[in-house]
Amino acid sequence: MPNKGTALVLEVLPAIFGLFGIGWIYAGRTTTGVILLVSGVLLVWGGYAFIILGSTALTAITFGLGSLSYCLVCGVPFIQLLAAAASTLLLNSELSRQ
């Protein structure tokens, strides 16, 4: 049985950088961990790329007014922290049921 504290640390620290699911993989929930890892990378880093590239295109089309849309990038880390907290809490409850 994996150490609960180690699993939680492995879930929360990498999740801050958009790498969800590592704690789940360590805890033996490989399918859930891989799904979280792949979807986290696609959504977090894809979200950053979409906002930055979209804002750049919008800025070019609107002669600079689209640069205001760069403010959306500030929301991604907040959503990322909420997702990290939710994933860690779910892992904690899953490990407590064992």
PDB file of N, CA and C in Angstrom:
ATOM      1  N   MET A   1       0.849  -1.184   0.000  1.00  0.00           N
ATOM      2  CA  MET A   1       0.000   0.000   0.000  1.00  0.00           C
ATOM      3  C   MET A   1       0.891   1.244   0.000  1.00  0.00           C
ATOM      4  N   PRO A   2       0.660   2.168  -0.917  1.00  0.00           N
ATOM      5  CA  PRO A   2       1.489   3.370  -0.993  1.00  0.00           C
ATOM      6  C   PRO A   2       1.226   4.310   0.183  1.00  0.00           C
ATOM      7  N   ASN A   3       2.220   5.094   0.505  1.00  0.00           N
ATOM      8  CA  ASN A   3       2.115   6.069   1.581  1.00  0.00           C
ATOM      9  C   ASN A   3       1.147   7.175   1.161  1.00  0.00           C
ATOM     10  N   LYS A   4       0.162   7.439   2.011  1.00  0.00           N
ATOM     11  CA  LYS A   4      -0.862   8.436   1.696  1.00  0.00           C
ATOM     12  C   LYS A   4      -0.264   9.835   1.568  1.00  0.00           C
ATOM     13  N   GLY A   5       0.631  10.195   2.462  1.00  0.00           N
ATOM     14  CA  GLY A   5       1.253  11.519   2.419  1.00  0.00           C
ATOM     15  C   GLY A   5       2.071  11.736   1.163  1.00  0.00           C
ATOM     16  N   THR A   6       2.819  10.716   0.772  1.00  0.00           N
ATOM     17  CA  THR A   6       3.621  10.814  -0.449  1.00  0.00           C
ATOM     18  C   THR A   6       2.722  10.966  -1.667  1.00  0.00           C
ATOM     19  N   ALA A   7       1.633  10.211  -1.706  1.00  0.00           N
ATOM     20  CA  ALA A   7       0.701  10.300  -2.835  1.00  0.00           C
ATOM     21  C   ALA A   7       0.094  11.692  -2.942  1.00  0.00           C
ATOM     22  N   LEU A   8      -0.252  12.283  -1.802  1.00  0.00           N
ATOM     23  CA  LEU A   8      -0.849  13.617  -1.825  1.00  0.00           C
ATOM     24  C   LEU A   8       0.158  14.676  -2.254  1.00  0.00           C
ATOM     25  N   VAL A   9       1.392  14.555  -1.781  1.00  0.00           N
ATOM     26  CA  VAL A   9       2.435  15.506  -2.197  1.00  0.00           C
ATOM     27  C   VAL A   9       2.719  15.360  -3.685  1.00  0.00           C
ATOM     28  N   LEU A  10       2.770  14.113  -4.163  1.00  0.00           N
ATOM     29  CA  LEU A  10       3.005  13.880  -5.590  1.00  0.00           C
ATOM     30  C   LEU A  10       1.832  14.349  -6.447  1.00  0.00           C
ATOM     31  N   GLU A  11       0.687  14.518  -5.851  1.00  0.00           N
ATOM     32  CA  GLU A  11      -0.456  15.030  -6.609  1.00  0.00           C
ATOM     33  C   GLU A  11      -0.468  16.556  -6.627  1.00  0.00           C
ATOM     34  N   VAL A  12      -0.236  17.178  -5.475  1.00  0.00           N
ATOM     35  CA  VAL A  12      -0.431  18.629  -5.402  1.00  0.00           C
ATOM     36  C   VAL A  12       0.736  19.416  -6.004  1.00  0.00           C
ATOM     37  N   LEU A  13       1.967  19.016  -5.775  1.00  0.00           N
ATOM     38  CA  LEU A  13       3.100  19.810  -6.270  1.00  0.00           C
ATOM     39  C   LEU A  13       3.199  19.841  -7.794  1.00  0.00           C
ATOM     40  N   PRO A  14       3.170  18.700  -8.478  1.00  0.00           N
ATOM     41  CA  PRO A  14       3.205  18.784  -9.949  1.00  0.00           C
ATOM     42  C   PRO A  14       1.937  19.411 -10.537  1.00  0.00           C
ATOM     43  N   ALA A  15       0.802  19.284  -9.831  1.00  0.00           N
ATOM     44  CA  ALA A  15      -0.448  19.848 -10.342  1.00  0.00           C
ATOM     45  C   ALA A  15      -0.387  21.366 -10.425  1.00  0.00           C
ATOM     46  N   ILE A  16       0.427  21.977  -9.609  1.00  0.00           N
ATOM     47  CA  ILE A  16       0.594  23.428  -9.679  1.00  0.00           C
ATOM     48  C   ILE A  16       1.147  23.832 -11.041  1.00  0.00           C
ATOM     49  N   PHE A  17       1.900  22.931 -11.659  1.00  0.00           N
ATOM     50  CA  PHE A  17       2.490  23.207 -12.970  1.00  0.00           C
ATOM     51  C   PHE A  17       1.704  22.554 -14.108  1.00  0.00           C
ATOM     52  N   GLY A  18       0.504  22.089 -13.822  1.00  0.00           N
ATOM     53  CA  GLY A  18      -0.350  21.513 -14.852  1.00  0.00           C
ATOM     54  C   GLY A  18      -0.154  20.033 -15.087  1.00  0.00           C
ATOM     55  N   LEU A  19       0.562  19.362 -14.195  1.00  0.00           N
ATOM     56  CA  LEU A  19       0.800  17.922 -14.335  1.00  0.00           C
ATOM     57  C   LEU A  19      -0.028  17.176 -13.288  1.00  0.00           C
ATOM     58  N   PHE A  20      -1.294  16.998 -13.583  1.00  0.00           N
ATOM     59  CA  PHE A  20      -2.203  16.312 -12.670  1.00  0.00           C
ATOM     60  C   PHE A  20      -2.045  14.803 -12.814  1.00  0.00           C
ATOM     61  N   GLY A  21      -2.409  14.060 -11.776  1.00  0.00           N
ATOM     62  CA  GLY A  21      -2.498  12.612 -11.870  1.00  0.00           C
ATOM     63  C   GLY A  21      -1.296  11.824 -11.400  1.00  0.00           C
ATOM     64  N   ILE A  22      -0.193  12.459 -11.087  1.00  0.00           N
ATOM     65  CA  ILE A  22       1.002  11.715 -10.684  1.00  0.00           C
ATOM     66  C   ILE A  22       0.775  11.019  -9.339  1.00  0.00           C
ATOM     67  N   GLY A  23       0.089  11.672  -8.436  1.00  0.00           N
ATOM     68  CA  GLY A  23      -0.247  11.045  -7.160  1.00  0.00           C
ATOM     69  C   GLY A  23      -1.183   9.862  -7.330  1.00  0.00           C
ATOM     70  N   TRP A  24      -2.101   9.966  -8.281  1.00  0.00           N
ATOM     71  CA  TRP A  24      -3.016   8.859  -8.570  1.00  0.00           C
ATOM     72  C   TRP A  24      -2.249   7.663  -9.113  1.00  0.00           C
ATOM     73  N   ILE A  25      -1.289   7.924  -9.992  1.00  0.00           N
ATOM     74  CA  ILE A  25      -0.480   6.834 -10.549  1.00  0.00           C
ATOM     75  C   ILE A  25       0.320   6.167  -9.435  1.00  0.00           C
ATOM     76  N   TYR A  26       0.923   6.970  -8.554  1.00  0.00           N
ATOM     77  CA  TYR A  26       1.687   6.428  -7.427  1.00  0.00           C
ATOM     78  C   TYR A  26       0.796   5.576  -6.520  1.00  0.00           C
ATOM     79  N   ALA A  27      -0.455   6.004  -6.343  1.00  0.00           N
ATOM     80  CA  ALA A  27      -1.373   5.285  -5.455  1.00  0.00           C
ATOM     81  C   ALA A  27      -1.944   4.026  -6.091  1.00  0.00           C
ATOM     82  N   GLY A  28      -1.592   3.756  -7.343  1.00  0.00           N
ATOM     83  CA  GLY A  28      -2.062   2.549  -7.993  1.00  0.00           C
ATOM     84  C   GLY A  28      -3.297   2.734  -8.849  1.00  0.00           C
ATOM     85  N   ARG A  29      -3.792   3.939  -8.951  1.00  0.00           N
ATOM     86  CA  ARG A  29      -4.953   4.253  -9.801  1.00  0.00           C
ATOM     87  C   ARG A  29      -4.431   4.748 -11.151  1.00  0.00           C
ATOM     88  N   THR A  30      -3.818   3.839 -11.899  1.00  0.00           N
ATOM     89  CA  THR A  30      -3.095   4.206 -13.118  1.00  0.00           C
ATOM     90  C   THR A  30      -4.008   4.810 -14.178  1.00  0.00           C
ATOM     91  N   THR A  31      -5.164   4.225 -14.388  1.00  0.00           N
ATOM     92  CA  THR A  31      -6.064   4.732 -15.427  1.00  0.00           C
ATOM     93  C   THR A  31      -6.492   6.162 -15.128  1.00  0.00           C
ATOM     94  N   THR A  32      -6.924   6.410 -13.902  1.00  0.00           N
ATOM     95  CA  THR A  32      -7.323   7.757 -13.504  1.00  0.00           C
ATOM     96  C   THR A  32      -6.151   8.714 -13.618  1.00  0.00           C
ATOM     97  N   GLY A  33      -4.980   8.283 -13.179  1.00  0.00           N
ATOM     98  CA  GLY A  33      -3.796   9.134 -13.233  1.00  0.00           C
ATOM     99  C   GLY A  33      -3.398   9.516 -14.642  1.00  0.00           C
ATOM    100  N   VAL A  34      -3.420   8.554 -15.549  1.00  0.00           N
ATOM    101  CA  VAL A  34      -3.038   8.845 -16.939  1.00  0.00           C
ATOM    102  C   VAL A  34      -4.062   9.765 -17.597  1.00  0.00           C
ATOM    103  N   ILE A  35      -5.345   9.536 -17.324  1.00  0.00           N
ATOM    104  CA  ILE A  35      -6.384  10.413 -17.878  1.00  0.00           C
ATOM    105  C   ILE A  35      -6.201  11.836 -17.362  1.00  0.00           C
ATOM    106  N   LEU A  36      -5.946  11.985 -16.065  1.00  0.00           N
ATOM    107  CA  LEU A  36      -5.721  13.317 -15.501  1.00  0.00           C
ATOM    108  C   LEU A  36      -4.456  13.958 -16.055  1.00  0.00           C
ATOM    109  N   LEU A  37      -3.412  13.173 -16.222  1.00  0.00           N
ATOM    110  CA  LEU A  37      -2.146  13.697 -16.732  1.00  0.00           C
ATOM    111  C   LEU A  37      -2.296  14.209 -18.159  1.00  0.00           C
ATOM    112  N   VAL A  38      -2.884  13.401 -19.017  1.00  0.00           N
ATOM    113  CA  VAL A  38      -3.037  13.796 -20.424  1.00  0.00           C
ATOM    114  C   VAL A  38      -4.001  14.971 -20.559  1.00  0.00           C
ATOM    115  N   SER A  39      -5.143  14.893 -19.889  1.00  0.00           N
ATOM    116  CA  SER A  39      -6.112  15.985 -20.005  1.00  0.00           C
ATOM    117  C   SER A  39      -5.590  17.265 -19.367  1.00  0.00           C
ATOM    118  N   GLY A  40      -4.845  17.150 -18.281  1.00  0.00           N
ATOM    119  CA  GLY A  40      -4.277  18.342 -17.657  1.00  0.00           C
ATOM    120  C   GLY A  40      -3.282  19.045 -18.556  1.00  0.00           C
ATOM    121  N   VAL A  41      -2.403  18.276 -19.179  1.00  0.00           N
ATOM    122  CA  VAL A  41      -1.419  18.879 -20.089  1.00  0.00           C
ATOM    123  C   VAL A  41      -2.130  19.540 -21.267  1.00  0.00           C
ATOM    124  N   LEU A  42      -3.108  18.840 -21.839  1.00  0.00           N
ATOM    125  CA  LEU A  42      -3.817  19.398 -22.989  1.00  0.00           C
ATOM    126  C   LEU A  42      -4.615  20.646 -22.624  1.00  0.00           C
ATOM    127  N   LEU A  43      -5.323  20.601 -21.502  1.00  0.00           N
ATOM    128  CA  LEU A  43      -6.176  21.724 -21.142  1.00  0.00           C
ATOM    129  C   LEU A  43      -5.390  22.919 -20.615  1.00  0.00           C
ATOM    130  N   VAL A  44      -4.436  22.685 -19.733  1.00  0.00           N
ATOM    131  CA  VAL A  44      -3.694  23.809 -19.150  1.00  0.00           C
ATOM    132  C   VAL A  44      -2.781  24.451 -20.183  1.00  0.00           C
ATOM    133  N   TRP A  45      -1.898  23.658 -20.758  1.00  0.00           N
ATOM    134  CA  TRP A  45      -0.947  24.242 -21.711  1.00  0.00           C
ATOM    135  C   TRP A  45      -1.620  24.597 -23.025  1.00  0.00           C
ATOM    136  N   GLY A  46      -2.625  23.824 -23.418  1.00  0.00           N
ATOM    137  CA  GLY A  46      -3.410  24.190 -24.595  1.00  0.00           C
ATOM    138  C   GLY A  46      -4.201  25.465 -24.358  1.00  0.00           C
ATOM    139  N   GLY A  47      -4.681  25.638 -23.134  1.00  0.00           N
ATOM    140  CA  GLY A  47      -5.390  26.869 -22.781  1.00  0.00           C
ATOM    141  C   GLY A  47      -4.495  28.087 -22.873  1.00  0.00           C
ATOM    142  N   TYR A  48      -3.285  27.966 -22.329  1.00  0.00           N
ATOM    143  CA  TYR A  48      -2.331  29.072 -22.449  1.00  0.00           C
ATOM    144  C   TYR A  48      -2.047  29.389 -23.917  1.00  0.00           C
ATOM    145  N   ALA A  49      -1.789  28.355 -24.711  1.00  0.00           N
ATOM    146  CA  ALA A  49      -1.470  28.565 -26.126  1.00  0.00           C
ATOM    147  C   ALA A  49      -2.654  29.191 -26.859  1.00  0.00           C
ATOM    148  N   PHE A  50      -3.858  28.702 -26.589  1.00  0.00           N
ATOM    149  CA  PHE A  50      -5.041  29.238 -27.252  1.00  0.00           C
ATOM    150  C   PHE A  50      -5.250  30.708 -26.915  1.00  0.00           C
ATOM    151  N   ILE A  51      -5.113  31.052 -25.639  1.00  0.00           N
ATOM    152  CA  ILE A  51      -5.323  32.443 -25.232  1.00  0.00           C
ATOM    153  C   ILE A  51      -4.253  33.347 -25.835  1.00  0.00           C
ATOM    154  N   ILE A  52      -3.001  32.925 -25.772  1.00  0.00           N
ATOM    155  CA  ILE A  52      -1.923  33.774 -26.285  1.00  0.00           C
ATOM    156  C   ILE A  52      -2.009  33.916 -27.797  1.00  0.00           C
ATOM    157  N   LEU A  53      -2.182  32.805 -28.512  1.00  0.00           N
ATOM    158  CA  LEU A  53      -2.269  32.887 -29.969  1.00  0.00           C
ATOM    159  C   LEU A  53      -3.545  33.598 -30.413  1.00  0.00           C
ATOM    160  N   GLY A  54      -4.647  33.312 -29.733  1.00  0.00           N
ATOM    161  CA  GLY A  54      -5.898  33.993 -30.062  1.00  0.00           C
ATOM    162  C   GLY A  54      -5.837  35.479 -29.790  1.00  0.00           C
ATOM    163  N   SER A  55      -5.215  35.849 -28.686  1.00  0.00           N
ATOM    164  CA  SER A  55      -5.072  37.265 -28.362  1.00  0.00           C
ATOM    165  C   SER A  55      -4.176  37.973 -29.357  1.00  0.00           C
ATOM    166  N   THR A  56      -3.132  37.292 -29.805  1.00  0.00           N
ATOM    167  CA  THR A  56      -2.237  37.884 -30.797  1.00  0.00           C
ATOM    168  C   THR A  56      -2.978  38.128 -32.106  1.00  0.00           C
ATOM    169  N   ALA A  57      -3.750  37.147 -32.535  1.00  0.00           N
ATOM    170  CA  ALA A  57      -4.527  37.316 -33.771  1.00  0.00           C
ATOM    171  C   ALA A  57      -5.580  38.400 -33.609  1.00  0.00           C
ATOM    172  N   LEU A  58      -6.245  38.427 -32.454  1.00  0.00           N
ATOM    173  CA  LEU A  58      -7.267  39.439 -32.202  1.00  0.00           C
ATOM    174  C   LEU A  58      -6.658  40.832 -32.151  1.00  0.00           C
ATOM    175  N   THR A  59      -5.469  40.937 -31.595  1.00  0.00           N
ATOM    176  CA  THR A  59      -4.778  42.224 -31.547  1.00  0.00           C
ATOM    177  C   THR A  59      -4.451  42.707 -32.954  1.00  0.00           C
ATOM    178  N   ALA A  60      -4.018  41.804 -33.807  1.00  0.00           N
ATOM    179  CA  ALA A  60      -3.689  42.185 -35.181  1.00  0.00           C
ATOM    180  C   ALA A  60      -4.934  42.618 -35.946  1.00  0.00           C
ATOM    181  N   ILE A  61      -6.042  41.939 -35.719  1.00  0.00           N
ATOM    182  CA  ILE A  61      -7.274  42.247 -36.454  1.00  0.00           C
ATOM    183  C   ILE A  61      -7.895  43.555 -35.979  1.00  0.00           C
ATOM    184  N   THR A  62      -7.833  43.816 -34.666  1.00  0.00           N
ATOM    185  CA  THR A  62      -8.507  44.994 -34.102  1.00  0.00           C
ATOM    186  C   THR A  62      -7.566  46.168 -33.885  1.00  0.00           C
ATOM    187  N   PHE A  63      -6.401  46.126 -34.494  1.00  0.00           N
ATOM    188  CA  PHE A  63      -5.432  47.224 -34.400  1.00  0.00           C
ATOM    189  C   PHE A  63      -5.070  47.568 -32.958  1.00  0.00           C
ATOM    190  N   GLY A  64      -4.870  46.558 -32.136  1.00  0.00           N
ATOM    191  CA  GLY A  64      -4.374  46.755 -30.782  1.00  0.00           C
ATOM    192  C   GLY A  64      -5.391  46.585 -29.684  1.00  0.00           C
ATOM    193  N   LEU A  65      -6.675  46.719 -29.987  1.00  0.00           N
ATOM    194  CA  LEU A  65      -7.689  46.592 -28.934  1.00  0.00           C
ATOM    195  C   LEU A  65      -7.779  45.167 -28.390  1.00  0.00           C
ATOM    196  N   GLY A  66      -7.403  44.197 -29.195  1.00  0.00           N
ATOM    197  CA  GLY A  66      -7.430  42.809 -28.754  1.00  0.00           C
ATOM    198  C   GLY A  66      -6.410  42.495 -27.684  1.00  0.00           C
ATOM    199  N   SER A  67      -5.466  43.396 -27.467  1.00  0.00           N
ATOM    200  CA  SER A  67      -4.456  43.151 -26.435  1.00  0.00           C
ATOM    201  C   SER A  67      -5.079  43.082 -25.048  1.00  0.00           C
ATOM    202  N   LEU A  68      -6.276  43.616 -24.901  1.00  0.00           N
ATOM    203  CA  LEU A  68      -6.971  43.513 -23.619  1.00  0.00           C
ATOM    204  C   LEU A  68      -7.318  42.065 -23.281  1.00  0.00           C
ATOM    205  N   SER A  69      -7.423  41.216 -24.291  1.00  0.00           N
ATOM    206  CA  SER A  69      -7.766  39.816 -24.041  1.00  0.00           C
ATOM    207  C   SER A  69      -6.621  39.039 -23.397  1.00  0.00           C
ATOM    208  N   TYR A  70      -5.424  39.609 -23.363  1.00  0.00           N
ATOM    209  CA  TYR A  70      -4.320  38.953 -22.659  1.00  0.00           C
ATOM    210  C   TYR A  70      -4.616  38.830 -21.167  1.00  0.00           C
ATOM    211  N   CYS A  71      -5.544  39.619 -20.661  1.00  0.00           N
ATOM    212  CA  CYS A  71      -5.928  39.527 -19.252  1.00  0.00           C
ATOM    213  C   CYS A  71      -6.532  38.165 -18.912  1.00  0.00           C
ATOM    214  N   LEU A  72      -7.032  37.455 -19.920  1.00  0.00           N
ATOM    215  CA  LEU A  72      -7.596  36.121 -19.685  1.00  0.00           C
ATOM    216  C   LEU A  72      -6.553  35.142 -19.173  1.00  0.00           C
ATOM    217  N   VAL A  73      -5.286  35.383 -19.495  1.00  0.00           N
ATOM    218  CA  VAL A  73      -4.210  34.498 -19.046  1.00  0.00           C
ATOM    219  C   VAL A  73      -4.142  34.477 -17.522  1.00  0.00           C
ATOM    220  N   CYS A  74      -4.554  35.557 -16.887  1.00  0.00           N
ATOM    221  CA  CYS A  74      -4.517  35.625 -15.422  1.00  0.00           C
ATOM    222  C   CYS A  74      -5.493  34.644 -14.777  1.00  0.00           C
ATOM    223  N   GLY A  75      -6.528  34.254 -15.486  1.00  0.00           N
ATOM    224  CA  GLY A  75      -7.508  33.335 -14.931  1.00  0.00           C
ATOM    225  C   GLY A  75      -7.081  31.884 -14.955  1.00  0.00           C
ATOM    226  N   VAL A  76      -6.172  31.532 -15.841  1.00  0.00           N
ATOM    227  CA  VAL A  76      -5.761  30.132 -15.979  1.00  0.00           C
ATOM    228  C   VAL A  76      -5.084  29.605 -14.709  1.00  0.00           C
ATOM    229  N   PRO A  77      -4.139  30.324 -14.102  1.00  0.00           N
ATOM    230  CA  PRO A  77      -3.536  29.791 -12.866  1.00  0.00           C
ATOM    231  C   PRO A  77      -4.544  29.609 -11.733  1.00  0.00           C
ATOM    232  N   PHE A  78      -5.534  30.485 -11.654  1.00  0.00           N
ATOM    233  CA  PHE A  78      -6.558  30.350 -10.617  1.00  0.00           C
ATOM    234  C   PHE A  78      -7.354  29.063 -10.822  1.00  0.00           C
ATOM    235  N   ILE A  79      -7.769  28.810 -12.049  1.00  0.00           N
ATOM    236  CA  ILE A  79      -8.497  27.581 -12.365  1.00  0.00           C
ATOM    237  C   ILE A  79      -7.607  26.364 -12.126  1.00  0.00           C
ATOM    238  N   GLN A  80      -6.332  26.507 -12.439  1.00  0.00           N
ATOM    239  CA  GLN A  80      -5.363  25.421 -12.250  1.00  0.00           C
ATOM    240  C   GLN A  80      -5.224  25.074 -10.767  1.00  0.00           C
ATOM    241  N   LEU A  81      -5.163  26.079  -9.906  1.00  0.00           N
ATOM    242  CA  LEU A  81      -5.061  25.826  -8.463  1.00  0.00           C
ATOM    243  C   LEU A  81      -6.333  25.175  -7.923  1.00  0.00           C
ATOM    244  N   LEU A  82      -7.486  25.604  -8.420  1.00  0.00           N
ATOM    245  CA  LEU A  82      -8.741  24.970  -8.001  1.00  0.00           C
ATOM    246  C   LEU A  82      -8.786  23.502  -8.429  1.00  0.00           C
ATOM    247  N   ALA A  83      -8.330  23.223  -9.639  1.00  0.00           N
ATOM    248  CA  ALA A  83      -8.299  21.837 -10.120  1.00  0.00           C
ATOM    249  C   ALA A  83      -7.311  21.002  -9.315  1.00  0.00           C
ATOM    250  N   ALA A  84      -6.172  21.586  -8.943  1.00  0.00           N
ATOM    251  CA  ALA A  84      -5.184  20.868  -8.129  1.00  0.00           C
ATOM    252  C   ALA A  84      -5.768  20.530  -6.757  1.00  0.00           C
ATOM    253  N   ALA A  85      -6.474  21.487  -6.165  1.00  0.00           N
ATOM    254  CA  ALA A  85      -7.092  21.243  -4.863  1.00  0.00           C
ATOM    255  C   ALA A  85      -8.164  20.159  -4.967  1.00  0.00           C
ATOM    256  N   ALA A  86      -8.980  20.219  -6.005  1.00  0.00           N
ATOM    257  CA  ALA A  86     -10.042  19.222  -6.179  1.00  0.00           C
ATOM    258  C   ALA A  86      -9.463  17.830  -6.392  1.00  0.00           C
ATOM    259  N   SER A  87      -8.439  17.722  -7.222  1.00  0.00           N
ATOM    260  CA  SER A  87      -7.822  16.425  -7.486  1.00  0.00           C
ATOM    261  C   SER A  87      -7.185  15.855  -6.227  1.00  0.00           C
ATOM    262  N   THR A  88      -6.544  16.705  -5.446  1.00  0.00           N
ATOM    263  CA  THR A  88      -5.908  16.257  -4.206  1.00  0.00           C
ATOM    264  C   THR A  88      -6.952  15.810  -3.185  1.00  0.00           C
ATOM    265  N   LEU A  89      -8.039  16.557  -3.071  1.00  0.00           N
ATOM    266  CA  LEU A  89      -9.100  16.166  -2.137  1.00  0.00           C
ATOM    267  C   LEU A  89      -9.754  14.849  -2.552  1.00  0.00           C
ATOM    268  N   LEU A  90      -9.972  14.672  -3.846  1.00  0.00           N
ATOM    269  CA  LEU A  90     -10.541  13.406  -4.324  1.00  0.00           C
ATOM    270  C   LEU A  90      -9.592  12.236  -4.073  1.00  0.00           C
ATOM    271  N   LEU A  91      -8.299  12.457  -4.288  1.00  0.00           N
ATOM    272  CA  LEU A  91      -7.317  11.402  -4.016  1.00  0.00           C
ATOM    273  C   LEU A  91      -7.286  11.075  -2.529  1.00  0.00           C
ATOM    274  N   ASN A  92      -7.360  12.095  -1.688  1.00  0.00           N
ATOM    275  CA  ASN A  92      -7.363  11.881  -0.246  1.00  0.00           C
ATOM    276  C   ASN A  92      -8.568  11.040   0.174  1.00  0.00           C
ATOM    277  N   SER A  93      -9.742  11.364  -0.343  1.00  0.00           N
ATOM    278  CA  SER A  93     -10.923  10.578   0.034  1.00  0.00           C
ATOM    279  C   SER A  93     -10.848   9.156  -0.524  1.00  0.00           C
ATOM    280  N   GLU A  94     -10.275   8.999  -1.706  1.00  0.00           N
ATOM    281  CA  GLU A  94     -10.113   7.658  -2.292  1.00  0.00           C
ATOM    282  C   GLU A  94      -9.155   6.810  -1.454  1.00  0.00           C
ATOM    283  N   LEU A  95      -8.058   7.414  -1.001  1.00  0.00           N
ATOM    284  CA  LEU A  95      -7.089   6.675  -0.188  1.00  0.00           C
ATOM    285  C   LEU A  95      -7.623   6.398   1.211  1.00  0.00           C
ATOM    286  N   SER A  96      -8.493   7.258   1.725  1.00  0.00           N
ATOM    287  CA  SER A  96      -9.070   7.049   3.053  1.00  0.00           C
ATOM    288  C   SER A  96     -10.056   5.887   3.061  1.00  0.00           C
ATOM    289  N   ARG A  97     -10.656   5.595   1.911  1.00  0.00           N
ATOM    290  CA  ARG A  97     -11.619   4.493   1.816  1.00  0.00           C
ATOM    291  C   ARG A  97     -10.954   3.128   1.837  1.00  0.00           C
ATOM    292  N   GLN A  98      -9.669   3.061   1.603  1.00  0.00           N
ATOM    293  CA  GLN A  98      -8.984   1.763   1.556  1.00  0.00           C
ATOM    294  C   GLN A  98      -8.890   1.137   2.912  1.00  0.00           C
TER     295      GLN A  98
END
